[in-house]
Amino acid sequence: MTLGRYPPGMRFLASPRIAPLTLALAATLLIAGCGDSLDTDDSGPATSATTETPATTAPDTSTPGASAKPTVALPSGEVTELIVTDLTDGEGDGAVAGDTVILNYVGVRSADGTEFDNSYDRGQPFPVTLGAQSVIAGWEEGLLGVKAGGQRQLDIPADLAYGDNPQGDIIQPGDALSFVVDVLAIIPATDPADAPTVTVTGAANRDDVLVEDLVDGTGTELALGDTAYLHLIAYRGDTGEELTSTWAEGQPQPIQFVEQGSLPGIIEGMAGMQVGGRRQIVIPFADAFGTAGNPDLGLPADTDLVLIIDLIAVT
């Protein structure tokens, strides 16, 4: 079997159910980038935002960057039960059911150390939503309590891995498996009740990006090249009408914070944000969806876009 993105035989993670309008915006932000830098004008905001619900400041659950691929130490004897070993403790609250753990991993056969998969070589961290039954039972149980920045080894007996079902050319019936995982971030489960109540006043189109911090973050600062996990609410700039929100649809959405893409205003608008922060960004239509607008979102042509963004984690 050719090994793909996911550990062999692991059930694919189900994508969060995203409403069509939210999906249209999230898909655009996944490749968000910027063109030329714009000057931010803090005078005379074209829109006003009033947070009517106290903001919930998230703890910093991010560990930017990727560590080097670790070596997996083989267990000393036969693995007959799940063995959890914290190699590095990490910080913050431990992961609980409903949280999404963003991690890198390497997996080997416990008997002889033959590697069958890893995420480090691909440069693609792997998200696991605990309790979703999307991965083998040894991960569901073994990742509970892990902390951001932690490194953990899981020695998993066959009955909590793939049992008597071989996977590809390496994993044989009855094989115990050993993993080392590096936890980059823990994304808390979303409670729709935590969504901010924000009033956006419609205004004439702007010529430049306007940024206003509604809540100052205290965690990791977002940098170019990072993946940002965020919640957002989008509004029409001319009327203040809400177009879509990720809050009611599940986990925060990831975007790549890079300098190429289709929303030039997003890079300037999010620059300097820290985890736990909430920011209002007014993006001129020329730096959002342009003269065409976005019919899927309900955003007319030549219409500015207003975003309320909560930065939940950074990897």
C-alpha atoms as a PDB file:
ATOM      1  CA  MET A   1       0.000   0.000   0.000  1.00  0.00           C
ATOM      2  CA  THR A   2       1.273   3.482  -0.801  1.00  0.00           C
ATOM      3  CA  LEU A   3       1.293   5.535   2.344  1.00  0.00           C
ATOM      4  CA  GLY A   4      -0.713   8.726   2.012  1.00  0.00           C
ATOM      5  CA  ARG A   5      -1.094  11.745   4.199  1.00  0.00           C
ATOM      6  CA  TYR A   6      -2.673   9.865   7.075  1.00  0.00           C
ATOM      7  CA  PRO A   7      -1.289   7.023   9.148  1.00  0.00           C
ATOM      8  CA  PRO A   8      -2.095   3.785   7.285  1.00  0.00           C
ATOM      9  CA  GLY A   9      -5.475   2.356   8.165  1.00  0.00           C
ATOM     10  CA  MET A  10      -6.428   5.281  10.369  1.00  0.00           C
ATOM     11  CA  ARG A  11      -9.901   6.476   9.607  1.00  0.00           C
ATOM     12  CA  PHE A  12      -9.793   9.811   7.840  1.00  0.00           C
ATOM     13  CA  LEU A  13     -10.720  12.767   9.977  1.00  0.00           C
ATOM     14  CA  ALA A  14     -14.183  13.992   9.136  1.00  0.00           C
ATOM     15  CA  SER A  15     -14.115  17.587   7.951  1.00  0.00           C
ATOM     16  CA  PRO A  16     -16.128  19.957  10.137  1.00  0.00           C
ATOM     17  CA  ARG A  17     -19.593  20.636   8.772  1.00  0.00           C
ATOM     18  CA  ILE A  18     -19.278  24.107   7.317  1.00  0.00           C
ATOM     19  CA  ALA A  19     -22.271  25.985   5.997  1.00  0.00           C
ATOM     20  CA  PRO A  20     -21.976  26.822   2.266  1.00  0.00           C
ATOM     21  CA  LEU A  21     -21.484  30.532   2.908  1.00  0.00           C
ATOM     22  CA  THR A  22     -18.785  29.911   5.491  1.00  0.00           C
ATOM     23  CA  LEU A  23     -17.074  27.417   3.220  1.00  0.00           C
ATOM     24  CA  ALA A  24     -16.834  29.973   0.419  1.00  0.00           C
ATOM     25  CA  LEU A  25     -15.013  32.429   2.649  1.00  0.00           C
ATOM     26  CA  ALA A  26     -12.873  29.828   4.433  1.00  0.00           C
ATOM     27  CA  ALA A  27     -11.741  28.390   1.101  1.00  0.00           C
ATOM     28  CA  THR A  28     -10.551  31.823   0.052  1.00  0.00           C
ATOM     29  CA  LEU A  29      -8.741  32.472   3.310  1.00  0.00           C
ATOM     30  CA  LEU A  30      -6.902  29.151   3.049  1.00  0.00           C
ATOM     31  CA  ILE A  31      -4.694  30.789   0.438  1.00  0.00           C
ATOM     32  CA  ALA A  32      -4.886  34.286   1.853  1.00  0.00           C
ATOM     33  CA  GLY A  33      -1.984  36.524   0.978  1.00  0.00           C
ATOM     34  CA  CYS A  34      -1.082  40.122   0.288  1.00  0.00           C
ATOM     35  CA  GLY A  35       0.098  42.333  -2.483  1.00  0.00           C
ATOM     36  CA  ASP A  36       1.617  45.740  -1.786  1.00  0.00           C
ATOM     37  CA  SER A  37       1.535  46.986   1.774  1.00  0.00           C
ATOM     38  CA  LEU A  38      -1.206  49.476   2.590  1.00  0.00           C
ATOM     39  CA  ASP A  39      -1.178  52.282   5.121  1.00  0.00           C
ATOM     40  CA  THR A  40      -3.526  51.791   8.057  1.00  0.00           C
ATOM     41  CA  ASP A  41      -5.622  54.828   8.950  1.00  0.00           C
ATOM     42  CA  ASP A  42      -6.852  54.815  12.530  1.00  0.00           C
ATOM     43  CA  SER A  43      -8.816  58.041  12.156  1.00  0.00           C
ATOM     44  CA  GLY A  44     -12.522  58.144  11.395  1.00  0.00           C
ATOM     45  CA  PRO A  45     -13.465  54.436  11.220  1.00  0.00           C
ATOM     46  CA  ALA A  46     -15.870  53.696   8.391  1.00  0.00           C
ATOM     47  CA  THR A  47     -17.541  51.068  10.544  1.00  0.00           C
ATOM     48  CA  SER A  48     -17.997  50.755  14.249  1.00  0.00           C
ATOM     49  CA  ALA A  49     -17.998  47.541  16.262  1.00  0.00           C
ATOM     50  CA  THR A  50     -19.430  47.236  19.731  1.00  0.00           C
ATOM     51  CA  THR A  51     -18.759  44.029  21.598  1.00  0.00           C
ATOM     52  CA  GLU A  52     -21.936  43.442  23.533  1.00  0.00           C
ATOM     53  CA  THR A  53     -20.818  40.093  24.933  1.00  0.00           C
ATOM     54  CA  PRO A  54     -17.647  40.025  27.066  1.00  0.00           C
ATOM     55  CA  ALA A  55     -14.833  38.505  25.077  1.00  0.00           C
ATOM     56  CA  THR A  56     -13.503  35.130  26.121  1.00  0.00           C
ATOM     57  CA  THR A  57      -9.712  35.370  25.940  1.00  0.00           C
ATOM     58  CA  ALA A  58      -8.290  32.001  24.951  1.00  0.00           C
ATOM     59  CA  PRO A  59      -5.175  30.676  26.674  1.00  0.00           C
ATOM     60  CA  ASP A  60      -2.086  30.419  24.508  1.00  0.00           C
ATOM     61  CA  THR A  61      -2.255  26.838  23.281  1.00  0.00           C
ATOM     62  CA  SER A  62       0.154  27.286  20.394  1.00  0.00           C
ATOM     63  CA  THR A  63       3.674  26.105  19.765  1.00  0.00           C
ATOM     64  CA  PRO A  64       4.808  27.573  16.431  1.00  0.00           C
ATOM     65  CA  GLY A  65       7.346  25.749  14.330  1.00  0.00           C
ATOM     66  CA  ALA A  66       8.093  22.113  13.761  1.00  0.00           C
ATOM     67  CA  SER A  67      10.573  20.100  15.782  1.00  0.00           C
ATOM     68  CA  ALA A  68      12.976  17.654  14.204  1.00  0.00           C
ATOM     69  CA  LYS A  69      11.703  14.164  13.525  1.00  0.00           C
ATOM     70  CA  PRO A  70      12.267  12.151  16.725  1.00  0.00           C
ATOM     71  CA  THR A  71      13.559   8.618  17.166  1.00  0.00           C
ATOM     72  CA  VAL A  72      11.120   6.151  18.681  1.00  0.00           C
ATOM     73  CA  ALA A  73      12.563   4.100  21.549  1.00  0.00           C
ATOM     74  CA  LEU A  74      11.227   0.547  21.400  1.00  0.00           C
ATOM     75  CA  PRO A  75       9.399  -0.865  24.434  1.00  0.00           C
ATOM     76  CA  SER A  76      11.375  -3.360  26.501  1.00  0.00           C
ATOM     77  CA  GLY A  77       8.832  -6.145  26.277  1.00  0.00           C
ATOM     78  CA  GLU A  78       5.608  -7.201  24.633  1.00  0.00           C
ATOM     79  CA  VAL A  79       3.025  -4.432  24.496  1.00  0.00           C
ATOM     80  CA  THR A  80      -0.195  -5.817  25.960  1.00  0.00           C
ATOM     81  CA  GLU A  81      -1.740  -2.569  27.203  1.00  0.00           C
ATOM     82  CA  LEU A  82      -1.542   1.103  26.300  1.00  0.00           C
ATOM     83  CA  ILE A  83       1.618   2.736  27.647  1.00  0.00           C
ATOM     84  CA  VAL A  84       1.702   6.546  27.730  1.00  0.00           C
ATOM     85  CA  THR A  85       5.068   8.222  28.365  1.00  0.00           C
ATOM     86  CA  ASP A  86       5.481  11.996  28.443  1.00  0.00           C
ATOM     87  CA  LEU A  87       8.947  12.790  27.090  1.00  0.00           C
ATOM     88  CA  THR A  88       8.303  16.539  27.416  1.00  0.00           C
ATOM     89  CA  ASP A  89       5.468  17.786  29.594  1.00  0.00           C
ATOM     90  CA  GLY A  90       4.241  20.804  27.648  1.00  0.00           C
ATOM     91  CA  GLU A  91       2.285  23.705  29.110  1.00  0.00           C
ATOM     92  CA  GLY A  92      -1.291  24.773  29.678  1.00  0.00           C
ATOM     93  CA  ASP A  93      -4.402  22.677  30.034  1.00  0.00           C
ATOM     94  CA  GLY A  94      -4.383  19.047  28.983  1.00  0.00           C
ATOM     95  CA  ALA A  95      -6.476  17.996  25.993  1.00  0.00           C
ATOM     96  CA  VAL A  96      -9.984  16.703  26.684  1.00  0.00           C
ATOM     97  CA  ALA A  97     -12.709  15.162  24.552  1.00  0.00           C
ATOM     98  CA  GLY A  98     -13.898  17.650  21.963  1.00  0.00           C
ATOM     99  CA  ASP A  99     -10.541  19.399  21.666  1.00  0.00           C
ATOM    100  CA  THR A 100      -8.563  19.205  18.437  1.00  0.00           C
ATOM    101  CA  VAL A 101      -4.898  18.336  18.889  1.00  0.00           C
ATOM    102  CA  ILE A 102      -2.564  19.545  16.128  1.00  0.00           C
ATOM    103  CA  LEU A 103       0.509  17.346  16.089  1.00  0.00           C
ATOM    104  CA  ASN A 104       3.387  15.802  14.203  1.00  0.00           C
ATOM    105  CA  TYR A 105       4.008  12.071  14.579  1.00  0.00           C
ATOM    106  CA  VAL A 106       6.246   9.179  13.636  1.00  0.00           C
ATOM    107  CA  GLY A 107       5.010   5.575  13.877  1.00  0.00           C
ATOM    108  CA  VAL A 108       6.922   2.288  13.967  1.00  0.00           C
ATOM    109  CA  ARG A 109       6.262  -1.396  14.625  1.00  0.00           C
ATOM    110  CA  SER A 110       6.927  -1.957  18.314  1.00  0.00           C
ATOM    111  CA  ALA A 111       8.586  -5.318  17.615  1.00  0.00           C
ATOM    112  CA  ASP A 112      11.416  -4.145  15.380  1.00  0.00           C
ATOM    113  CA  GLY A 113      11.206  -0.370  14.919  1.00  0.00           C
ATOM    114  CA  THR A 114      10.271  -0.458  11.243  1.00  0.00           C
ATOM    115  CA  GLU A 115       8.806   2.937  10.400  1.00  0.00           C
ATOM    116  CA  PHE A 116       5.512   2.915   8.510  1.00  0.00           C
ATOM    117  CA  ASP A 117       4.582   6.608   8.458  1.00  0.00           C
ATOM    118  CA  ASN A 118       5.400  10.087   9.709  1.00  0.00           C
ATOM    119  CA  SER A 119       4.198  13.647   9.193  1.00  0.00           C
ATOM    120  CA  TYR A 120       7.554  15.382   9.604  1.00  0.00           C
ATOM    121  CA  ASP A 121       8.819  14.491   6.142  1.00  0.00           C
ATOM    122  CA  ARG A 122       5.605  15.824   4.581  1.00  0.00           C
ATOM    123  CA  GLY A 123       5.690  19.053   6.566  1.00  0.00           C
ATOM    124  CA  GLN A 124       1.965  18.663   7.263  1.00  0.00           C
ATOM    125  CA  PRO A 125       0.860  18.540  10.906  1.00  0.00           C
ATOM    126  CA  PHE A 126      -2.049  16.194  11.583  1.00  0.00           C
ATOM    127  CA  PRO A 127      -5.270  17.303  13.364  1.00  0.00           C
ATOM    128  CA  VAL A 128      -7.072  14.913  15.705  1.00  0.00           C
ATOM    129  CA  THR A 129     -10.439  15.820  17.249  1.00  0.00           C
ATOM    130  CA  LEU A 130     -10.643  13.753  20.417  1.00  0.00           C
ATOM    131  CA  GLY A 131     -13.874  11.838  20.793  1.00  0.00           C
ATOM    132  CA  ALA A 132     -14.693  11.946  17.081  1.00  0.00           C
ATOM    133  CA  GLN A 133     -13.602   8.306  16.622  1.00  0.00           C
ATOM    134  CA  SER A 134     -11.576   9.392  13.606  1.00  0.00           C
ATOM    135  CA  VAL A 135      -8.354   7.617  14.581  1.00  0.00           C
ATOM    136  CA  ILE A 136      -7.368   4.342  16.227  1.00  0.00           C
ATOM    137  CA  ALA A 137      -8.439   3.795  19.820  1.00  0.00           C
ATOM    138  CA  GLY A 138      -4.859   3.977  21.070  1.00  0.00           C
ATOM    139  CA  TRP A 139      -4.683   7.571  19.915  1.00  0.00           C
ATOM    140  CA  GLU A 140      -8.139   8.461  21.235  1.00  0.00           C
ATOM    141  CA  GLU A 141      -7.124   7.261  24.693  1.00  0.00           C
ATOM    142  CA  GLY A 142      -3.430   8.090  24.567  1.00  0.00           C
ATOM    143  CA  LEU A 143      -3.760  11.736  23.574  1.00  0.00           C
ATOM    144  CA  LEU A 144      -6.068  12.670  26.437  1.00  0.00           C
ATOM    145  CA  GLY A 145      -4.275  15.055  28.767  1.00  0.00           C
ATOM    146  CA  VAL A 146      -1.470  15.943  26.365  1.00  0.00           C
ATOM    147  CA  LYS A 147      -0.391  19.604  26.489  1.00  0.00           C
ATOM    148  CA  ALA A 148       0.739  22.124  23.899  1.00  0.00           C
ATOM    149  CA  GLY A 149       4.493  21.858  23.413  1.00  0.00           C
ATOM    150  CA  GLY A 150       4.525  18.363  24.843  1.00  0.00           C
ATOM    151  CA  GLN A 151       6.133  15.294  23.316  1.00  0.00           C
ATOM    152  CA  ARG A 152       4.537  11.948  24.114  1.00  0.00           C
ATOM    153  CA  GLN A 153       5.247   8.341  23.239  1.00  0.00           C
ATOM    154  CA  LEU A 154       2.346   5.943  22.770  1.00  0.00           C
ATOM    155  CA  ASP A 155       3.005   2.202  22.828  1.00  0.00           C
ATOM    156  CA  ILE A 156      -0.245   0.707  21.579  1.00  0.00           C
ATOM    157  CA  PRO A 157      -1.293  -2.952  21.738  1.00  0.00           C
ATOM    158  CA  ALA A 158      -2.802  -4.506  18.640  1.00  0.00           C
ATOM    159  CA  ASP A 159      -6.350  -4.471  20.004  1.00  0.00           C
ATOM    160  CA  LEU A 160      -6.170  -0.659  20.277  1.00  0.00           C
ATOM    161  CA  ALA A 161      -4.502  -0.338  16.856  1.00  0.00           C
ATOM    162  CA  TYR A 162      -5.470  -2.474  13.841  1.00  0.00           C
ATOM    163  CA  GLY A 163      -5.964  -5.850  15.524  1.00  0.00           C
ATOM    164  CA  ASP A 164      -5.595  -8.695  13.079  1.00  0.00           C
ATOM    165  CA  ASN A 165      -6.034  -6.476  10.033  1.00  0.00           C
ATOM    166  CA  PRO A 166      -2.761  -5.898   8.167  1.00  0.00           C
ATOM    167  CA  GLN A 167      -2.081  -2.405   6.869  1.00  0.00           C
ATOM    168  CA  GLY A 168       0.067  -2.122   3.782  1.00  0.00           C
ATOM    169  CA  ASP A 169       3.350  -4.004   3.569  1.00  0.00           C
ATOM    170  CA  ILE A 170       4.636  -3.213   7.066  1.00  0.00           C
ATOM    171  CA  ILE A 171       1.895  -3.533   9.692  1.00  0.00           C
ATOM    172  CA  GLN A 172       1.062  -7.203  10.146  1.00  0.00           C
ATOM    173  CA  PRO A 173      -1.825  -8.915  11.977  1.00  0.00           C
ATOM    174  CA  GLY A 174      -1.419  -8.595  15.736  1.00  0.00           C
ATOM    175  CA  ASP A 175       1.218  -5.865  15.551  1.00  0.00           C
ATOM    176  CA  ALA A 176       1.679  -3.453  18.426  1.00  0.00           C
ATOM    177  CA  LEU A 177       2.611   0.059  17.297  1.00  0.00           C
ATOM    178  CA  SER A 178       4.726   2.789  18.858  1.00  0.00           C
ATOM    179  CA  PHE A 179       4.382   6.504  18.109  1.00  0.00           C
ATOM    180  CA  VAL A 180       6.110   9.665  19.209  1.00  0.00           C
ATOM    181  CA  VAL A 181       3.974  12.782  18.785  1.00  0.00           C
ATOM    182  CA  ASP A 182       4.906  16.447  19.106  1.00  0.00           C
ATOM    183  CA  VAL A 183       1.934  18.618  20.029  1.00  0.00           C
ATOM    184  CA  LEU A 184       1.927  21.956  18.213  1.00  0.00           C
ATOM    185  CA  ALA A 185      -1.399  23.287  19.476  1.00  0.00           C
ATOM    186  CA  ILE A 186      -4.592  22.324  21.249  1.00  0.00           C
ATOM    187  CA  ILE A 187      -7.740  23.883  19.834  1.00  0.00           C
ATOM    188  CA  PRO A 188     -10.496  23.995  22.465  1.00  0.00           C
ATOM    189  CA  ALA A 189     -13.912  22.679  21.526  1.00  0.00           C
ATOM    190  CA  THR A 190     -16.155  25.399  20.163  1.00  0.00           C
ATOM    191  CA  ASP A 191     -19.138  26.608  22.151  1.00  0.00           C
ATOM    192  CA  PRO A 192     -21.433  28.707  19.927  1.00  0.00           C
ATOM    193  CA  ALA A 193     -22.436  30.624  23.055  1.00  0.00           C
ATOM    194  CA  ASP A 194     -18.927  32.108  23.123  1.00  0.00           C
ATOM    195  CA  ALA A 195     -19.442  33.888  19.788  1.00  0.00           C
ATOM    196  CA  PRO A 196     -19.136  37.651  20.169  1.00  0.00           C
ATOM    197  CA  THR A 197     -22.175  39.848  19.700  1.00  0.00           C
ATOM    198  CA  VAL A 198     -20.885  42.608  17.458  1.00  0.00           C
ATOM    199  CA  THR A 199     -22.728  45.479  15.797  1.00  0.00           C
ATOM    200  CA  VAL A 200     -21.185  46.723  12.552  1.00  0.00           C
ATOM    201  CA  THR A 201     -22.420  50.052  11.228  1.00  0.00           C
ATOM    202  CA  GLY A 202     -22.551  50.279   7.440  1.00  0.00           C
ATOM    203  CA  ALA A 203     -20.445  52.959   5.780  1.00  0.00           C
ATOM    204  CA  ALA A 204     -19.070  54.128   2.458  1.00  0.00           C
ATOM    205  CA  ASN A 205     -16.248  52.192   0.848  1.00  0.00           C
ATOM    206  CA  ARG A 206     -12.736  52.787   2.115  1.00  0.00           C
ATOM    207  CA  ASP A 207      -9.477  53.166   0.224  1.00  0.00           C
ATOM    208  CA  ASP A 208      -7.318  51.464   2.837  1.00  0.00           C
ATOM    209  CA  VAL A 209      -7.389  48.641   5.385  1.00  0.00           C
ATOM    210  CA  LEU A 210      -8.692  49.617   8.820  1.00  0.00           C
ATOM    211  CA  VAL A 211      -7.729  47.588  11.887  1.00  0.00           C
ATOM    212  CA  GLU A 212      -9.201  47.804  15.385  1.00  0.00           C
ATOM    213  CA  ASP A 213      -8.317  45.467  18.243  1.00  0.00           C
ATOM    214  CA  LEU A 214     -11.422  44.632  20.260  1.00  0.00           C
ATOM    215  CA  VAL A 215      -9.519  42.284  22.586  1.00  0.00           C
ATOM    216  CA  ASP A 216      -5.737  42.317  22.929  1.00  0.00           C
ATOM    217  CA  GLY A 217      -4.212  38.860  22.681  1.00  0.00           C
ATOM    218  CA  THR A 218      -1.517  37.765  25.111  1.00  0.00           C
ATOM    219  CA  GLY A 219      -0.296  34.579  23.430  1.00  0.00           C
ATOM    220  CA  THR A 220       1.909  33.716  20.480  1.00  0.00           C
ATOM    221  CA  GLU A 221       2.187  36.421  17.810  1.00  0.00           C
ATOM    222  CA  LEU A 222       1.211  35.412  14.295  1.00  0.00           C
ATOM    223  CA  ALA A 223       4.081  35.417  11.785  1.00  0.00           C
ATOM    224  CA  LEU A 224       4.367  34.872   8.051  1.00  0.00           C
ATOM    225  CA  GLY A 225       4.430  31.185   7.201  1.00  0.00           C
ATOM    226  CA  ASP A 226       2.328  30.175  10.217  1.00  0.00           C
ATOM    227  CA  THR A 227      -1.003  28.412  10.121  1.00  0.00           C
ATOM    228  CA  ALA A 228      -3.596  30.468  11.985  1.00  0.00           C
ATOM    229  CA  TYR A 229      -6.605  28.730  13.563  1.00  0.00           C
ATOM    230  CA  LEU A 230      -9.363  31.279  13.850  1.00  0.00           C
ATOM    231  CA  HIS A 231     -13.041  32.008  14.148  1.00  0.00           C
ATOM    232  CA  LEU A 232     -14.456  34.715  11.948  1.00  0.00           C
ATOM    233  CA  ILE A 233     -17.665  36.580  11.299  1.00  0.00           C
ATOM    234  CA  ALA A 234     -18.028  38.351   7.941  1.00  0.00           C
ATOM    235  CA  TYR A 235     -20.191  41.415   7.210  1.00  0.00           C
ATOM    236  CA  ARG A 236     -21.081  43.635   4.278  1.00  0.00           C
ATOM    237  CA  GLY A 237     -19.234  46.895   4.648  1.00  0.00           C
ATOM    238  CA  ASP A 238     -22.015  49.009   3.157  1.00  0.00           C
ATOM    239  CA  THR A 239     -24.905  47.801   5.324  1.00  0.00           C
ATOM    240  CA  GLY A 240     -23.282  45.997   8.265  1.00  0.00           C
ATOM    241  CA  GLU A 241     -25.323  42.871   7.430  1.00  0.00           C
ATOM    242  CA  GLU A 242     -23.792  39.639   8.761  1.00  0.00           C
ATOM    243  CA  LEU A 243     -22.921  37.266   5.928  1.00  0.00           C
ATOM    244  CA  THR A 244     -21.525  34.204   7.647  1.00  0.00           C
ATOM    245  CA  SER A 245     -19.852  32.948  10.828  1.00  0.00           C
ATOM    246  CA  THR A 246     -17.722  29.944  11.727  1.00  0.00           C
ATOM    247  CA  TRP A 247     -18.827  29.943  15.356  1.00  0.00           C
ATOM    248  CA  ALA A 248     -21.922  27.796  14.911  1.00  0.00           C
ATOM    249  CA  GLU A 249     -20.262  25.373  12.515  1.00  0.00           C
ATOM    250  CA  GLY A 250     -17.679  23.571  14.642  1.00  0.00           C
ATOM    251  CA  GLN A 251     -13.949  23.918  15.083  1.00  0.00           C
ATOM    252  CA  PRO A 252     -11.976  27.055  14.211  1.00  0.00           C
ATOM    253  CA  GLN A 253     -10.792  27.160  10.619  1.00  0.00           C
ATOM    254  CA  PRO A 254      -7.114  27.064   9.563  1.00  0.00           C
ATOM    255  CA  ILE A 255      -5.640  29.553   7.111  1.00  0.00           C
ATOM    256  CA  GLN A 256      -2.114  29.749   5.779  1.00  0.00           C
ATOM    257  CA  PHE A 257      -0.634  33.153   6.603  1.00  0.00           C
ATOM    258  CA  VAL A 258       1.436  33.574   3.450  1.00  0.00           C
ATOM    259  CA  GLU A 259       2.182  36.337   0.982  1.00  0.00           C
ATOM    260  CA  GLN A 260       0.510  34.786  -2.035  1.00  0.00           C
ATOM    261  CA  GLY A 261      -3.200  34.424  -2.498  1.00  0.00           C
ATOM    262  CA  SER A 262      -6.459  36.117  -3.257  1.00  0.00           C
ATOM    263  CA  LEU A 263      -7.235  38.442  -0.330  1.00  0.00           C
ATOM    264  CA  PRO A 264      -4.533  41.126  -0.228  1.00  0.00           C
ATOM    265  CA  GLY A 265      -6.108  42.817   2.813  1.00  0.00           C
ATOM    266  CA  ILE A 266      -5.913  39.813   5.118  1.00  0.00           C
ATOM    267  CA  ILE A 267      -2.141  39.900   5.684  1.00  0.00           C
ATOM    268  CA  GLU A 268      -2.046  43.531   6.723  1.00  0.00           C
ATOM    269  CA  GLY A 269      -5.250  43.116   8.669  1.00  0.00           C
ATOM    270  CA  MET A 270      -4.004  40.210  10.782  1.00  0.00           C
ATOM    271  CA  ALA A 271      -0.373  41.296  11.116  1.00  0.00           C
ATOM    272  CA  GLY A 272       0.711  41.476  14.740  1.00  0.00           C
ATOM    273  CA  MET A 273      -2.269  39.543  16.125  1.00  0.00           C
ATOM    274  CA  GLN A 274      -1.601  37.399  19.174  1.00  0.00           C
ATOM    275  CA  VAL A 275      -3.412  34.276  20.300  1.00  0.00           C
ATOM    276  CA  GLY A 276      -6.447  35.203  22.372  1.00  0.00           C
ATOM    277  CA  GLY A 277      -6.962  38.416  20.420  1.00  0.00           C
ATOM    278  CA  ARG A 278     -10.113  39.602  18.678  1.00  0.00           C
ATOM    279  CA  ARG A 279      -9.779  42.067  15.809  1.00  0.00           C
ATOM    280  CA  GLN A 280     -12.100  43.950  13.481  1.00  0.00           C
ATOM    281  CA  ILE A 281     -10.723  44.394   9.967  1.00  0.00           C
ATOM    282  CA  VAL A 282     -12.322  46.518   7.248  1.00  0.00           C
ATOM    283  CA  ILE A 283     -10.970  45.444   3.844  1.00  0.00           C
ATOM    284  CA  PRO A 284     -11.570  47.656   0.788  1.00  0.00           C
ATOM    285  CA  PHE A 285     -13.347  45.765  -1.971  1.00  0.00           C
ATOM    286  CA  ALA A 286     -10.280  46.044  -4.215  1.00  0.00           C
ATOM    287  CA  ASP A 287      -8.320  44.026  -1.647  1.00  0.00           C
ATOM    288  CA  ALA A 288     -11.169  41.581  -0.937  1.00  0.00           C
ATOM    289  CA  PHE A 289     -13.416  40.215  -3.703  1.00  0.00           C
ATOM    290  CA  GLY A 290     -13.005  43.141  -6.089  1.00  0.00           C
ATOM    291  CA  THR A 291     -15.497  44.394  -8.623  1.00  0.00           C
ATOM    292  CA  ALA A 292     -17.127  40.959  -8.905  1.00  0.00           C
ATOM    293  CA  GLY A 293     -18.034  40.638  -5.238  1.00  0.00           C
ATOM    294  CA  ASN A 294     -18.823  37.149  -3.947  1.00  0.00           C
ATOM    295  CA  PRO A 295     -22.359  35.935  -4.757  1.00  0.00           C
ATOM    296  CA  ASP A 296     -21.902  32.781  -2.664  1.00  0.00           C
ATOM    297  CA  LEU A 297     -21.333  34.949   0.386  1.00  0.00           C
ATOM    298  CA  GLY A 298     -24.001  37.464  -0.540  1.00  0.00           C
ATOM    299  CA  LEU A 299     -21.366  40.167  -0.971  1.00  0.00           C
ATOM    300  CA  PRO A 300     -22.284  42.476  -3.891  1.00  0.00           C
ATOM    301  CA  ALA A 301     -19.835  43.860  -6.412  1.00  0.00           C
ATOM    302  CA  ASP A 302     -17.689  46.813  -5.328  1.00  0.00           C
ATOM    303  CA  THR A 303     -18.459  46.221  -1.648  1.00  0.00           C
ATOM    304  CA  ASP A 304     -16.018  46.356   1.255  1.00  0.00           C
ATOM    305  CA  LEU A 305     -15.683  43.326   3.550  1.00  0.00           C
ATOM    306  CA  VAL A 306     -15.663  43.533   7.356  1.00  0.00           C
ATOM    307  CA  LEU A 307     -14.247  40.648   9.391  1.00  0.00           C
ATOM    308  CA  ILE A 308     -14.313  39.993  13.128  1.00  0.00           C
ATOM    309  CA  ILE A 309     -11.479  37.538  13.753  1.00  0.00           C
ATOM    310  CA  ASP A 310     -10.669  35.599  16.923  1.00  0.00           C
ATOM    311  CA  LEU A 311      -7.189  34.058  16.806  1.00  0.00           C
ATOM    312  CA  ILE A 312      -7.419  30.751  18.662  1.00  0.00           C
ATOM    313  CA  ALA A 313      -4.026  29.157  17.984  1.00  0.00           C
ATOM    314  CA  VAL A 314      -0.930  29.377  15.779  1.00  0.00           C
ATOM    315  CA  THR A 315       1.292  26.600  14.463  1.00  0.00           C
END
